[in-house]
PDB file of N, CA and C in Angstrom:
ATOM      1  N   UNK A   1      34.912 -30.199  66.204  1.00  0.00           N
ATOM      2  CA  UNK A   1      34.363 -31.038  67.448  1.00  0.00           C
ATOM      3  C   UNK A   1      34.035 -32.480  67.018  1.00  0.00           C
ATOM      4  N   UNK A   2      34.868 -33.494  67.428  1.00  0.00           N
ATOM      5  CA  UNK A   2      34.783 -34.696  67.085  1.00  0.00           C
ATOM      6  C   UNK A   2      33.543 -35.188  67.888  1.00  0.00           C
ATOM      7  N   UNK A   3      32.495 -36.064  67.655  1.00  0.00           N
ATOM      8  CA  UNK A   3      31.574 -36.775  68.416  1.00  0.00           C
ATOM      9  C   UNK A   3      31.893 -37.973  68.276  1.00  0.00           C
ATOM     10  N   UNK A   4      31.745 -38.762  69.355  1.00  0.00           N
ATOM     11  CA  UNK A   4      31.921 -40.044  69.601  1.00  0.00           C
ATOM     12  C   UNK A   4      30.784 -40.859  69.670  1.00  0.00           C
ATOM     13  N   UNK A   5      30.682 -41.974  69.271  1.00  0.00           N
ATOM     14  CA  UNK A   5      29.586 -43.347  69.664  1.00  0.00           C
ATOM     15  C   UNK A   5      30.171 -44.046  70.663  1.00  0.00           C
ATOM     16  N   UNK A   6      29.334 -44.552  71.867  1.00  0.00           N
ATOM     17  CA  UNK A   6      29.852 -45.530  72.589  1.00  0.00           C
ATOM     18  C   UNK A   6      29.387 -46.691  72.139  1.00  0.00           C
ATOM     19  N   UNK A   7      29.676 -47.849  72.804  1.00  0.00           N
ATOM     20  CA  UNK A   7      29.144 -48.936  72.417  1.00  0.00           C
ATOM     21  C   UNK A   7      27.811 -49.129  72.441  1.00  0.00           C
ATOM     22  N   UNK A   8      27.090 -48.419  73.206  1.00  0.00           N
ATOM     23  CA  UNK A   8      25.608 -48.321  73.002  1.00  0.00           C
ATOM     24  C   UNK A   8      24.847 -47.352  72.041  1.00  0.00           C
ATOM     25  N   UNK A   9      25.659 -47.099  70.905  1.00  0.00           N
ATOM     26  CA  UNK A   9      25.050 -46.038  70.001  1.00  0.00           C
ATOM     27  C   UNK A   9      24.577 -44.626  70.566  1.00  0.00           C
ATOM     28  N   UNK A  10      25.415 -44.003  71.663  1.00  0.00           N
ATOM     29  CA  UNK A  10      24.852 -43.094  72.105  1.00  0.00           C
ATOM     30  C   UNK A  10      25.943 -42.272  71.529  1.00  0.00           C
ATOM     31  N   UNK A  11      25.325 -40.742  71.229  1.00  0.00           N
ATOM     32  CA  UNK A  11      26.338 -39.872  70.815  1.00  0.00           C
ATOM     33  C   UNK A  11      26.334 -38.850  72.306  1.00  0.00           C
ATOM     34  N   UNK A  12      27.475 -38.915  72.617  1.00  0.00           N
ATOM     35  CA  UNK A  12      27.717 -38.184  74.120  1.00  0.00           C
ATOM     36  C   UNK A  12      28.223 -36.775  73.906  1.00  0.00           C
ATOM     37  N   UNK A  13      27.421 -35.708  74.494  1.00  0.00           N
ATOM     38  CA  UNK A  13      27.705 -34.351  74.303  1.00  0.00           C
ATOM     39  C   UNK A  13      28.623 -33.825  75.394  1.00  0.00           C
ATOM     40  N   UNK A  14      28.473 -34.206  76.520  1.00  0.00           N
ATOM     41  CA  UNK A  14      29.343 -33.527  77.543  1.00  0.00           C
ATOM     42  C   UNK A  14      30.274 -34.716  78.138  1.00  0.00           C
ATOM     43  N   UNK A  15      31.061 -34.296  78.769  1.00  0.00           N
ATOM     44  CA  UNK A  15      32.221 -35.380  79.411  1.00  0.00           C
ATOM     45  C   UNK A  15      32.398 -34.835  80.760  1.00  0.00           C
ATOM     46  N   UNK A  16      32.926 -35.637  81.539  1.00  0.00           N
ATOM     47  CA  UNK A  16      33.455 -35.297  83.100  1.00  0.00           C
ATOM     48  C   UNK A  16      34.367 -34.329  82.953  1.00  0.00           C
ATOM     49  N   UNK A  17      33.890 -33.058  83.602  1.00  0.00           N
ATOM     50  CA  UNK A  17      34.988 -31.990  83.870  1.00  0.00           C
ATOM     51  C   UNK A  17      34.863 -30.924  82.958  1.00  0.00           C
ATOM     52  N   UNK A  18      34.018 -31.214  81.921  1.00  0.00           N
ATOM     53  CA  UNK A  18      33.578 -29.951  80.994  1.00  0.00           C
ATOM     54  C   UNK A  18      32.911 -28.900  81.792  1.00  0.00           C
ATOM     55  N   UNK A  19      33.199 -27.598  81.421  1.00  0.00           N
ATOM     56  CA  UNK A  19      32.367 -26.496  82.041  1.00  0.00           C
ATOM     57  C   UNK A  19      31.434 -26.070  80.989  1.00  0.00           C
ATOM     58  N   UNK A  20      30.326 -25.452  81.489  1.00  0.00           N
ATOM     59  CA  UNK A  20      29.059 -25.292  80.697  1.00  0.00           C
ATOM     60  C   UNK A  20      28.376 -23.845  81.272  1.00  0.00           C
ATOM     61  N   UNK A  21      27.697 -23.274  80.434  1.00  0.00           N
ATOM     62  CA  UNK A  21      26.588 -22.256  80.700  1.00  0.00           C
ATOM     63  C   UNK A  21      25.404 -22.367  79.831  1.00  0.00           C
ATOM     64  N   UNK A  22      24.350 -22.061  80.765  1.00  0.00           N
ATOM     65  CA  UNK A  22      23.007 -22.222  79.865  1.00  0.00           C
ATOM     66  C   UNK A  22      22.739 -20.838  79.296  1.00  0.00           C
ATOM     67  N   UNK A  23      22.086 -20.962  78.224  1.00  0.00           N
ATOM     68  CA  UNK A  23      21.814 -19.739  77.570  1.00  0.00           C
ATOM     69  C   UNK A  23      20.568 -18.940  77.991  1.00  0.00           C
ATOM     70  N   UNK A  24      19.839 -19.482  78.592  1.00  0.00           N
ATOM     71  CA  UNK A  24      18.562 -18.790  79.142  1.00  0.00           C
ATOM     72  C   UNK A  24      18.664 -18.507  80.673  1.00  0.00           C
ATOM     73  N   UNK A  25      19.580 -19.281  81.459  1.00  0.00           N
ATOM     74  CA  UNK A  25      19.708 -19.257  82.884  1.00  0.00           C
ATOM     75  C   UNK A  25      20.865 -18.507  83.310  1.00  0.00           C
ATOM     76  N   UNK A  26      21.326 -17.356  83.186  1.00  0.00           N
ATOM     77  CA  UNK A  26      22.540 -16.893  83.612  1.00  0.00           C
ATOM     78  C   UNK A  26      22.600 -16.731  85.027  1.00  0.00           C
ATOM     79  N   UNK A  27      21.615 -16.720  85.537  1.00  0.00           N
ATOM     80  CA  UNK A  27      21.405 -16.679  87.276  1.00  0.00           C
ATOM     81  C   UNK A  27      21.923 -17.967  87.789  1.00  0.00           C
ATOM     82  N   UNK A  28      21.940 -19.246  86.998  1.00  0.00           N
ATOM     83  CA  UNK A  28      22.668 -20.355  87.375  1.00  0.00           C
ATOM     84  C   UNK A  28      24.149 -20.255  87.523  1.00  0.00           C
ATOM     85  N   UNK A  29      24.737 -19.255  86.769  1.00  0.00           N
ATOM     86  CA  UNK A  29      26.253 -19.140  86.636  1.00  0.00           C
ATOM     87  C   UNK A  29      26.884 -20.305  85.947  1.00  0.00           C
ATOM     88  N   UNK A  30      28.111 -20.523  85.899  1.00  0.00           N
ATOM     89  CA  UNK A  30      28.607 -21.644  85.147  1.00  0.00           C
ATOM     90  C   UNK A  30      28.455 -22.987  85.817  1.00  0.00           C
ATOM     91  N   UNK A  31      28.629 -23.953  84.987  1.00  0.00           N
ATOM     92  CA  UNK A  31      28.159 -25.283  85.771  1.00  0.00           C
ATOM     93  C   UNK A  31      29.524 -26.106  85.118  1.00  0.00           C
ATOM     94  N   UNK A  32      29.547 -27.472  85.912  1.00  0.00           N
ATOM     95  CA  UNK A  32      30.509 -28.302  85.771  1.00  0.00           C
ATOM     96  C   UNK A  32      30.036 -29.574  85.726  1.00  0.00           C
ATOM     97  N   UNK A  33      30.447 -30.576  84.923  1.00  0.00           N
ATOM     98  CA  UNK A  33      29.762 -31.818  84.973  1.00  0.00           C
ATOM     99  C   UNK A  33      30.603 -32.702  85.785  1.00  0.00           C
ATOM    100  N   UNK A  34      29.798 -33.259  86.985  1.00  0.00           N
ATOM    101  CA  UNK A  34      30.378 -33.858  87.934  1.00  0.00           C
ATOM    102  C   UNK A  34      29.956 -35.513  87.909  1.00  0.00           C
ATOM    103  N   UNK A  35      29.193 -35.735  86.840  1.00  0.00           N
ATOM    104  CA  UNK A  35      28.719 -37.485  87.029  1.00  0.00           C
ATOM    105  C   UNK A  35      28.226 -37.723  85.421  1.00  0.00           C
ATOM    106  N   UNK A  36      28.504 -38.693  84.900  1.00  0.00           N
ATOM    107  CA  UNK A  36      27.929 -39.182  83.754  1.00  0.00           C
ATOM    108  C   UNK A  36      27.595 -40.617  83.982  1.00  0.00           C
ATOM    109  N   UNK A  37      26.243 -40.830  83.296  1.00  0.00           N
ATOM    110  CA  UNK A  37      25.718 -41.938  83.576  1.00  0.00           C
ATOM    111  C   UNK A  37      24.841 -42.580  82.240  1.00  0.00           C
ATOM    112  N   UNK A  38      25.434 -43.761  81.575  1.00  0.00           N
ATOM    113  CA  UNK A  38      24.910 -44.097  80.426  1.00  0.00           C
ATOM    114  C   UNK A  38      24.399 -45.648  80.663  1.00  0.00           C
ATOM    115  N   UNK A  39      23.180 -45.720  80.300  1.00  0.00           N
ATOM    116  CA  UNK A  39      22.368 -47.178  80.696  1.00  0.00           C
ATOM    117  C   UNK A  39      22.983 -48.156  79.686  1.00  0.00           C
ATOM    118  N   UNK A  40      23.179 -49.092  80.151  1.00  0.00           N
ATOM    119  CA  UNK A  40      23.425 -50.391  79.319  1.00  0.00           C
ATOM    120  C   UNK A  40      22.217 -51.117  78.705  1.00  0.00           C
ATOM    121  N   UNK A  41      21.177 -50.722  79.013  1.00  0.00           N
ATOM    122  CA  UNK A  41      19.847 -51.283  78.373  1.00  0.00           C
ATOM    123  C   UNK A  41      19.756 -50.720  77.009  1.00  0.00           C
ATOM    124  N   UNK A  42      19.489 -51.547  75.924  1.00  0.00           N
ATOM    125  CA  UNK A  42      19.332 -50.848  74.702  1.00  0.00           C
ATOM    126  C   UNK A  42      18.119 -49.751  74.737  1.00  0.00           C
ATOM    127  N   UNK A  43      18.308 -48.747  74.202  1.00  0.00           N
ATOM    128  CA  UNK A  43      17.252 -47.486  74.239  1.00  0.00           C
ATOM    129  C   UNK A  43      17.243 -46.917  75.481  1.00  0.00           C
ATOM    130  N   UNK A  44      18.163 -47.168  76.697  1.00  0.00           N
ATOM    131  CA  UNK A  44      18.194 -46.553  77.903  1.00  0.00           C
ATOM    132  C   UNK A  44      18.549 -45.154  77.785  1.00  0.00           C
ATOM    133  N   UNK A  45      18.685 -44.430  78.788  1.00  0.00           N
ATOM    134  CA  UNK A  45      18.919 -43.228  79.186  1.00  0.00           C
ATOM    135  C   UNK A  45      20.432 -42.764  79.193  1.00  0.00           C
ATOM    136  N   UNK A  46      20.921 -41.491  78.934  1.00  0.00           N
ATOM    137  CA  UNK A  46      22.228 -41.173  78.916  1.00  0.00           C
ATOM    138  C   UNK A  46      22.135 -39.799  79.635  1.00  0.00           C
ATOM    139  N   UNK A  47      22.694 -39.833  81.015  1.00  0.00           N
ATOM    140  CA  UNK A  47      22.447 -38.442  81.675  1.00  0.00           C
ATOM    141  C   UNK A  47      23.666 -38.167  81.999  1.00  0.00           C
ATOM    142  N   UNK A  48      23.671 -36.825  82.566  1.00  0.00           N
ATOM    143  CA  UNK A  48      24.889 -35.950  83.024  1.00  0.00           C
ATOM    144  C   UNK A  48      24.217 -35.404  84.189  1.00  0.00           C
ATOM    145  N   UNK A  49      25.032 -35.243  85.103  1.00  0.00           N
ATOM    146  CA  UNK A  49      24.848 -34.179  86.366  1.00  0.00           C
ATOM    147  C   UNK A  49      25.614 -33.020  86.476  1.00  0.00           C
ATOM    148  N   UNK A  50      25.180 -31.922  86.448  1.00  0.00           N
ATOM    149  CA  UNK A  50      26.081 -30.718  86.561  1.00  0.00           C
ATOM    150  C   UNK A  50      25.782 -29.937  87.815  1.00  0.00           C
ATOM    151  N   UNK A  51      26.972 -29.552  88.317  1.00  0.00           N
ATOM    152  CA  UNK A  51      27.056 -28.758  89.503  1.00  0.00           C
ATOM    153  C   UNK A  51      27.042 -27.052  89.084  1.00  0.00           C
ATOM    154  N   UNK A  52      26.122 -26.348  89.307  1.00  0.00           N
ATOM    155  CA  UNK A  52      26.291 -24.864  89.048  1.00  0.00           C
ATOM    156  C   UNK A  52      26.793 -23.852  90.165  1.00  0.00           C
ATOM    157  N   UNK A  53      27.206 -22.680  89.799  1.00  0.00           N
ATOM    158  CA  UNK A  53      27.697 -21.845  90.798  1.00  0.00           C
ATOM    159  C   UNK A  53      26.608 -21.358  91.823  1.00  0.00           C
ATOM    160  N   UNK A  54      25.295 -21.305  91.589  1.00  0.00           N
ATOM    161  CA  UNK A  54      24.504 -21.358  92.602  1.00  0.00           C
ATOM    162  C   UNK A  54      23.960 -22.450  93.506  1.00  0.00           C
ATOM    163  N   UNK A  55      24.851 -23.391  93.385  1.00  0.00           N
ATOM    164  CA  UNK A  55      25.008 -24.387  94.578  1.00  0.00           C
ATOM    165  C   UNK A  55      23.945 -25.530  94.223  1.00  0.00           C
ATOM    166  N   UNK A  56      23.300 -25.515  93.037  1.00  0.00           N
ATOM    167  CA  UNK A  56      22.485 -26.644  92.593  1.00  0.00           C
ATOM    168  C   UNK A  56      22.962 -27.495  91.541  1.00  0.00           C
ATOM    169  N   UNK A  57      22.675 -28.664  91.800  1.00  0.00           N
ATOM    170  CA  UNK A  57      22.953 -29.910  90.938  1.00  0.00           C
ATOM    171  C   UNK A  57      21.862 -29.869  90.106  1.00  0.00           C
ATOM    172  N   UNK A  58      22.116 -30.263  88.654  1.00  0.00           N
ATOM    173  CA  UNK A  58      20.735 -30.147  87.834  1.00  0.00           C
ATOM    174  C   UNK A  58      21.203 -31.538  86.721  1.00  0.00           C
ATOM    175  N   UNK A  59      20.213 -32.226  86.601  1.00  0.00           N
ATOM    176  CA  UNK A  59      20.648 -33.447  85.586  1.00  0.00           C
ATOM    177  C   UNK A  59      19.830 -33.083  84.402  1.00  0.00           C
ATOM    178  N   UNK A  60      20.583 -33.654  83.282  1.00  0.00           N
ATOM    179  CA  UNK A  60      20.137 -33.468  81.836  1.00  0.00           C
ATOM    180  C   UNK A  60      20.274 -34.753  81.005  1.00  0.00           C
ATOM    181  N   UNK A  61      19.630 -34.831  80.036  1.00  0.00           N
ATOM    182  CA  UNK A  61      19.602 -35.892  79.105  1.00  0.00           C
ATOM    183  C   UNK A  61      21.303 -35.438  78.142  1.00  0.00           C
ATOM    184  N   UNK A  62      21.985 -36.537  78.033  1.00  0.00           N
ATOM    185  CA  UNK A  62      23.453 -36.300  77.339  1.00  0.00           C
ATOM    186  C   UNK A  62      23.348 -36.848  75.896  1.00  0.00           C
ATOM    187  N   UNK A  63      22.384 -37.396  75.385  1.00  0.00           N
ATOM    188  CA  UNK A  63      22.714 -37.900  74.108  1.00  0.00           C
ATOM    189  C   UNK A  63      22.174 -37.004  73.048  1.00  0.00           C
ATOM    190  N   UNK A  64      23.034 -36.773  72.095  1.00  0.00           N
ATOM    191  CA  UNK A  64      22.846 -35.684  71.186  1.00  0.00           C
ATOM    192  C   UNK A  64      21.663 -36.577  69.929  1.00  0.00           C
ATOM    193  N   UNK A  65      21.601 -37.643  69.817  1.00  0.00           N
ATOM    194  CA  UNK A  65      20.434 -38.214  69.122  1.00  0.00           C
ATOM    195  C   UNK A  65      19.135 -38.152  69.482  1.00  0.00           C
ATOM    196  N   UNK A  66      18.847 -37.515  70.533  1.00  0.00           N
ATOM    197  CA  UNK A  66      17.330 -37.278  71.178  1.00  0.00           C
ATOM    198  C   UNK A  66      17.184 -35.842  71.216  1.00  0.00           C
ATOM    199  N   UNK A  67      15.853 -35.403  71.080  1.00  0.00           N
ATOM    200  CA  UNK A  67      15.378 -34.237  71.160  1.00  0.00           C
ATOM    201  C   UNK A  67      15.613 -33.822  72.633  1.00  0.00           C
ATOM    202  N   UNK A  68      15.761 -34.566  73.533  1.00  0.00           N
ATOM    203  CA  UNK A  68      15.539 -33.999  75.080  1.00  0.00           C
ATOM    204  C   UNK A  68      17.068 -33.704  75.423  1.00  0.00           C
ATOM    205  N   UNK A  69      18.143 -33.880  74.476  1.00  0.00           N
ATOM    206  CA  UNK A  69      19.783 -33.436  75.008  1.00  0.00           C
ATOM    207  C   UNK A  69      19.711 -32.116  75.381  1.00  0.00           C
ATOM    208  N   UNK A  70      20.891 -31.981  76.221  1.00  0.00           N
ATOM    209  CA  UNK A  70      20.964 -30.877  77.027  1.00  0.00           C
ATOM    210  C   UNK A  70      21.291 -29.654  76.195  1.00  0.00           C
ATOM    211  N   UNK A  71      21.986 -29.998  74.914  1.00  0.00           N
ATOM    212  CA  UNK A  71      22.561 -29.073  74.032  1.00  0.00           C
ATOM    213  C   UNK A  71      21.173 -28.400  73.517  1.00  0.00           C
ATOM    214  N   UNK A  72      20.081 -28.931  73.102  1.00  0.00           N
ATOM    215  CA  UNK A  72      18.896 -28.488  72.604  1.00  0.00           C
ATOM    216  C   UNK A  72      18.169 -27.528  73.578  1.00  0.00           C
ATOM    217  N   UNK A  73      18.231 -27.853  75.039  1.00  0.00           N
ATOM    218  CA  UNK A  73      17.938 -27.114  76.036  1.00  0.00           C
ATOM    219  C   UNK A  73      18.719 -25.844  76.346  1.00  0.00           C
ATOM    220  N   UNK A  74      19.706 -25.540  75.654  1.00  0.00           N
ATOM    221  CA  UNK A  74      20.701 -24.352  75.856  1.00  0.00           C
ATOM    222  C   UNK A  74      21.766 -24.551  76.850  1.00  0.00           C
ATOM    223  N   UNK A  75      22.140 -25.566  77.006  1.00  0.00           N
ATOM    224  CA  UNK A  75      23.598 -25.845  77.696  1.00  0.00           C
ATOM    225  C   UNK A  75      24.568 -25.630  76.533  1.00  0.00           C
ATOM    226  N   UNK A  76      25.845 -24.892  76.683  1.00  0.00           N
ATOM    227  CA  UNK A  76      26.797 -25.090  76.049  1.00  0.00           C
ATOM    228  C   UNK A  76      28.037 -25.204  76.467  1.00  0.00           C
ATOM    229  N   UNK A  77      28.980 -25.514  75.965  1.00  0.00           N
ATOM    230  CA  UNK A  77      30.395 -26.021  76.472  1.00  0.00           C
ATOM    231  C   UNK A  77      31.120 -24.564  76.508  1.00  0.00           C
ATOM    232  N   UNK A  78      31.768 -24.289  77.659  1.00  0.00           N
ATOM    233  CA  UNK A  78      32.710 -23.130  77.782  1.00  0.00           C
ATOM    234  C   UNK A  78      34.012 -23.666  77.835  1.00  0.00           C
ATOM    235  N   UNK A  79      34.314 -24.803  78.404  1.00  0.00           N
ATOM    236  CA  UNK A  79      35.638 -25.254  78.533  1.00  0.00           C
ATOM    237  C   UNK A  79      35.476 -26.749  78.502  1.00  0.00           C
ATOM    238  N   UNK A  80      36.879 -27.265  78.096  1.00  0.00           N
ATOM    239  CA  UNK A  80      36.950 -28.615  77.962  1.00  0.00           C
ATOM    240  C   UNK A  80      37.645 -29.153  78.898  1.00  0.00           C
ATOM    241  N   UNK A  81      37.615 -30.381  79.328  1.00  0.00           N
ATOM    242  CA  UNK A  81      38.684 -31.295  80.157  1.00  0.00           C
ATOM    243  C   UNK A  81      39.642 -31.682  79.168  1.00  0.00           C
ATOM    244  N   UNK A  82      40.948 -31.248  79.361  1.00  0.00           N
ATOM    245  CA  UNK A  82      41.810 -31.795  78.690  1.00  0.00           C
ATOM    246  C   UNK A  82      43.058 -32.159  79.474  1.00  0.00           C
ATOM    247  N   UNK A  83      42.824 -33.489  79.695  1.00  0.00           N
ATOM    248  CA  UNK A  83      43.924 -33.997  80.834  1.00  0.00           C
ATOM    249  C   UNK A  83      45.262 -34.194  80.141  1.00  0.00           C
ATOM    250  N   UNK A  84      45.502 -33.984  78.599  1.00  0.00           N
ATOM    251  CA  UNK A  84      46.618 -34.211  78.185  1.00  0.00           C
ATOM    252  C   UNK A  84      47.636 -32.807  78.254  1.00  0.00           C
ATOM    253  N   UNK A  85      46.544 -31.640  78.340  1.00  0.00           N
ATOM    254  CA  UNK A  85      47.314 -30.324  78.484  1.00  0.00           C
ATOM    255  C   UNK A  85      47.711 -30.157  79.817  1.00  0.00           C
ATOM    256  N   UNK A  86      46.886 -30.562  80.677  1.00  0.00           N
ATOM    257  CA  UNK A  86      47.232 -30.559  82.160  1.00  0.00           C
ATOM    258  C   UNK A  86      48.217 -31.047  82.620  1.00  0.00           C
ATOM    259  N   UNK A  87      48.973 -31.984  81.834  1.00  0.00           N
ATOM    260  CA  UNK A  87      50.262 -32.785  82.253  1.00  0.00           C
ATOM    261  C   UNK A  87      51.262 -32.024  81.612  1.00  0.00           C
ATOM    262  N   UNK A  88      51.174 -31.010  80.721  1.00  0.00           N
ATOM    263  CA  UNK A  88      52.143 -30.415  80.175  1.00  0.00           C
ATOM    264  C   UNK A  88      52.883 -29.466  81.280  1.00  0.00           C
ATOM    265  N   UNK A  89      52.531 -28.672  82.454  1.00  0.00           N
ATOM    266  CA  UNK A  89      53.501 -28.193  83.037  1.00  0.00           C
ATOM    267  C   UNK A  89      54.175 -29.046  84.045  1.00  0.00           C
ATOM    268  N   UNK A  90      53.700 -30.527  84.106  1.00  0.00           N
ATOM    269  CA  UNK A  90      54.537 -31.240  84.824  1.00  0.00           C
ATOM    270  C   UNK A  90      55.698 -31.710  84.091  1.00  0.00           C
ATOM    271  N   UNK A  91      55.508 -31.831  82.785  1.00  0.00           N
ATOM    272  CA  UNK A  91      56.613 -32.239  81.986  1.00  0.00           C
ATOM    273  C   UNK A  91      57.709 -31.110  81.955  1.00  0.00           C
ATOM    274  N   UNK A  92      57.202 -29.778  81.897  1.00  0.00           N
ATOM    275  CA  UNK A  92      58.350 -28.723  81.775  1.00  0.00           C
ATOM    276  C   UNK A  92      58.971 -28.687  83.108  1.00  0.00           C
ATOM    277  N   UNK A  93      58.246 -28.908  84.356  1.00  0.00           N
ATOM    278  CA  UNK A  93      59.038 -28.826  85.757  1.00  0.00           C
ATOM    279  C   UNK A  93      60.093 -30.049  85.719  1.00  0.00           C
ATOM    280  N   UNK A  94      59.672 -31.203  84.965  1.00  0.00           N
ATOM    281  CA  UNK A  94      60.691 -32.423  85.247  1.00  0.00           C
ATOM    282  C   UNK A  94      61.944 -32.080  84.202  1.00  0.00           C
ATOM    283  N   UNK A  95      61.614 -31.286  83.083  1.00  0.00           N
ATOM    284  CA  UNK A  95      62.634 -30.858  82.298  1.00  0.00           C
ATOM    285  C   UNK A  95      63.732 -29.792  82.962  1.00  0.00           C
ATOM    286  N   UNK A  96      63.087 -29.024  83.658  1.00  0.00           N
ATOM    287  CA  UNK A  96      63.706 -27.953  84.484  1.00  0.00           C
ATOM    288  C   UNK A  96      64.728 -28.635  85.450  1.00  0.00           C
ATOM    289  N   UNK A  97      64.407 -29.792  86.217  1.00  0.00           N
ATOM    290  CA  UNK A  97      65.152 -30.481  87.193  1.00  0.00           C
ATOM    291  C   UNK A  97      66.278 -31.160  86.550  1.00  0.00           C
ATOM    292  N   UNK A  98      66.152 -31.649  85.355  1.00  0.00           N
ATOM    293  CA  UNK A  98      66.936 -32.331  84.610  1.00  0.00           C
ATOM    294  C   UNK A  98      68.283 -31.414  84.116  1.00  0.00           C
ATOM    295  N   UNK A  99      67.802 -30.386  83.755  1.00  0.00           N
ATOM    296  CA  UNK A  99      68.745 -29.086  83.588  1.00  0.00           C
ATOM    297  C   UNK A  99      69.649 -28.720  84.459  1.00  0.00           C
ATOM    298  N   UNK A 100      68.920 -28.608  85.815  1.00  0.00           N
ATOM    299  CA  UNK A 100      69.643 -28.394  86.900  1.00  0.00           C
ATOM    300  C   UNK A 100      70.668 -29.689  87.276  1.00  0.00           C
ATOM    301  N   UNK A 101      70.223 -30.571  87.004  1.00  0.00           N
ATOM    302  CA  UNK A 101      71.259 -31.664  87.416  1.00  0.00           C
ATOM    303  C   UNK A 101      72.119 -31.904  86.419  1.00  0.00           C
ATOM    304  N   UNK A 102      71.995 -31.466  85.552  1.00  0.00           N
ATOM    305  CA  UNK A 102      73.019 -31.426  84.427  1.00  0.00           C
ATOM    306  C   UNK A 102      72.719 -32.849  83.341  1.00  0.00           C
ATOM    307  N   UNK A 103      71.664 -33.148  83.577  1.00  0.00           N
ATOM    308  CA  UNK A 103      71.050 -34.352  82.592  1.00  0.00           C
ATOM    309  C   UNK A 103      70.469 -33.718  81.424  1.00  0.00           C
ATOM    310  N   UNK A 104      70.614 -34.438  80.179  1.00  0.00           N
ATOM    311  CA  UNK A 104      70.034 -34.004  78.923  1.00  0.00           C
ATOM    312  C   UNK A 104      68.384 -34.276  78.925  1.00  0.00           C
ATOM    313  N   UNK A 105      67.859 -33.179  78.425  1.00  0.00           N
ATOM    314  CA  UNK A 105      66.399 -33.108  78.417  1.00  0.00           C
ATOM    315  C   UNK A 105      66.003 -34.027  77.212  1.00  0.00           C
ATOM    316  N   UNK A 106      64.900 -34.732  77.347  1.00  0.00           N
ATOM    317  CA  UNK A 106      64.142 -35.696  76.668  1.00  0.00           C
ATOM    318  C   UNK A 106      63.650 -34.947  75.442  1.00  0.00           C
TER     319      UNK A 106
END
């Protein structure tokens, strides 16, 4: 898992679309990242808002360089937002259309 630094020197743990579960609060169900906010002020906060299956939105710190990061409070990724993989079925459908039309596949 590669961690990236933003221009504001924050190490971001969760990204928009990531799915998570909390180690100590199974009653919340799975959650999904619905909003990310990173302060442009030096030393400012980095927050992430999650919508859980219980219908509640909860906000957590999203900077791995702080002790208050949601990772250290028990949030774990269970699925990642992979937009490149989601394009693969579209590309396969296009190849199928090309074959039906007698065009060479790329």
